[in-house]
Amino acid sequence: MRDETILREKAREAIHSGRVPTVRPSRMLLCSLSAGETCAVCGDLLAGGEMEFEFEYRTSPPPRERSLMERLNWIPEVRRYHLHHNCFVAWEFERTNLGPPERRSSI
């Protein structure tokens, strides 16, 4: 188990560098089994079968000036993030308590 202070520092760095967003995710999958992804906060591997938090963001809006068929067949661009449980807790704390980097006086 990682030290909470270190994880919060890593979460702040991940937010500040843009590796993870500060806005609420479009969708969250809490506690799924990892397929061996890398944690977006600490950068360590999530072992296969390890419990993880996964969240996603839709990064592109639906097309407006297209035909009805094109809009019905549209597949949004989605960005996914995978985190260890403790990294998720640190990210959520930093995301909700500190806000985006531009609103902070220091990191």
Protein backbone atom coordinates (compact mmCIF):
# COMPACT_ATOMS: atom_id res chain seq x y z
CA MET A 1 0.00 0.00 0.00
CA ARG A 2 1.39 3.40 -0.97
CA ASP A 3 1.78 6.37 1.31
CA GLU A 4 -1.24 8.71 0.96
CA THR A 5 0.93 11.85 0.74
CA ILE A 6 2.98 10.41 -2.13
CA LEU A 7 -0.16 9.32 -4.00
CA ARG A 8 -1.72 12.75 -3.62
CA GLU A 9 1.47 14.33 -4.98
CA LYS A 10 1.37 11.91 -7.92
CA ALA A 11 -2.31 12.72 -8.49
CA ARG A 12 -1.57 16.48 -8.48
CA GLU A 13 1.28 15.93 -10.94
CA ALA A 14 -0.94 13.79 -13.20
CA ILE A 15 -3.61 16.52 -13.17
CA HIS A 16 -1.12 19.34 -13.73
CA SER A 17 0.63 17.53 -16.60
CA GLY A 18 -2.70 16.68 -18.26
CA ARG A 19 -2.34 12.90 -17.91
CA VAL A 20 -5.72 12.82 -16.15
CA PRO A 21 -8.58 15.35 -16.41
CA THR A 22 -10.12 17.31 -13.56
CA VAL A 23 -13.71 17.17 -14.77
CA ARG A 24 -16.19 14.50 -13.80
CA PRO A 25 -15.96 11.47 -16.14
CA SER A 26 -18.66 10.69 -18.69
CA ARG A 27 -18.78 7.13 -17.33
CA MET A 28 -17.14 5.18 -14.49
CA LEU A 29 -16.66 1.46 -14.11
CA LEU A 30 -15.85 0.93 -10.48
CA CYS A 31 -13.79 -2.03 -9.44
CA SER A 32 -13.44 -4.05 -12.60
CA LEU A 33 -10.69 -6.60 -13.20
CA SER A 34 -7.62 -5.19 -14.91
CA ALA A 35 -6.37 -6.57 -18.19
CA GLY A 36 -2.85 -5.30 -17.47
CA GLU A 37 -3.15 -1.57 -18.19
CA THR A 38 -0.94 1.17 -16.74
CA CYS A 39 -2.27 3.36 -13.93
CA ALA A 40 -2.81 6.91 -15.21
CA VAL A 41 -1.82 8.41 -11.85
CA CYS A 42 1.24 6.51 -10.61
CA GLY A 43 2.39 4.97 -13.89
CA ASP A 44 2.71 1.46 -12.43
CA LEU A 45 1.23 -1.59 -14.09
CA LEU A 46 -2.16 -2.84 -12.93
CA ALA A 47 -1.55 -6.57 -12.72
CA GLY A 48 -3.86 -8.76 -14.77
CA GLY A 49 -6.89 -9.62 -12.66
CA GLU A 50 -6.18 -6.83 -10.13
CA MET A 51 -9.15 -4.67 -9.15
CA GLU A 52 -9.08 -1.29 -10.87
CA PHE A 53 -11.14 1.84 -11.35
CA GLU A 54 -11.81 2.71 -14.98
CA PHE A 55 -13.33 5.94 -16.17
CA GLU A 56 -13.90 7.40 -19.59
CA TYR A 57 -14.51 10.67 -21.36
CA ARG A 58 -16.24 11.24 -24.66
CA THR A 59 -13.92 13.60 -26.47
CA SER A 60 -15.95 14.41 -29.56
CA PRO A 61 -19.51 15.72 -29.83
CA PRO A 62 -22.03 14.10 -32.19
CA PRO A 63 -22.02 15.51 -35.73
CA ARG A 64 -24.67 18.16 -36.30
CA GLU A 65 -24.44 18.81 -40.02
CA ARG A 66 -24.68 15.22 -41.19
CA SER A 67 -27.48 13.05 -42.40
CA LEU A 68 -29.70 11.18 -39.96
CA MET A 69 -28.04 7.87 -40.95
CA GLU A 70 -24.58 9.28 -40.30
CA ARG A 71 -25.65 10.57 -36.90
CA LEU A 72 -27.24 7.23 -35.98
CA ASN A 73 -24.08 5.37 -36.97
CA TRP A 74 -21.76 7.84 -35.26
CA ILE A 75 -19.35 6.32 -32.73
CA PRO A 76 -17.91 8.84 -30.27
CA GLU A 77 -14.20 9.10 -29.61
CA VAL A 78 -13.64 7.85 -26.07
CA ARG A 79 -10.59 8.26 -23.86
CA ARG A 80 -10.25 5.71 -21.02
CA TYR A 81 -8.20 5.88 -17.83
CA HIS A 82 -7.30 2.99 -15.50
CA LEU A 83 -6.29 3.53 -11.87
CA HIS A 84 -5.41 1.52 -8.78
CA HIS A 85 -7.97 1.92 -6.01
CA ASN A 86 -5.70 4.11 -3.87
CA CYS A 87 -4.64 6.17 -6.90
CA PHE A 88 -8.30 6.73 -7.74
CA VAL A 89 -8.99 7.94 -4.19
CA ALA A 90 -6.04 10.37 -4.39
CA TRP A 91 -7.11 11.61 -7.86
CA GLU A 92 -10.72 12.09 -6.77
CA PHE A 93 -9.61 14.03 -3.69
CA GLU A 94 -7.29 16.28 -5.69
CA ARG A 95 -9.79 16.69 -8.52
CA THR A 96 -12.66 17.74 -6.27
CA ASN A 97 -10.73 19.73 -3.64
CA LEU A 98 -8.12 21.54 -5.67
CA GLY A 99 -9.81 21.95 -9.02
CA PRO A 100 -8.09 22.50 -12.33
CA PRO A 101 -4.43 23.63 -12.32
CA GLU A 102 -5.25 27.16 -13.49
CA ARG A 103 -7.29 27.78 -10.30
CA ARG A 104 -4.47 26.77 -7.93
CA SER A 105 -1.87 29.11 -6.53
CA SER A 106 0.77 26.37 -6.28
CA ILE A 107 1.17 22.66 -6.75
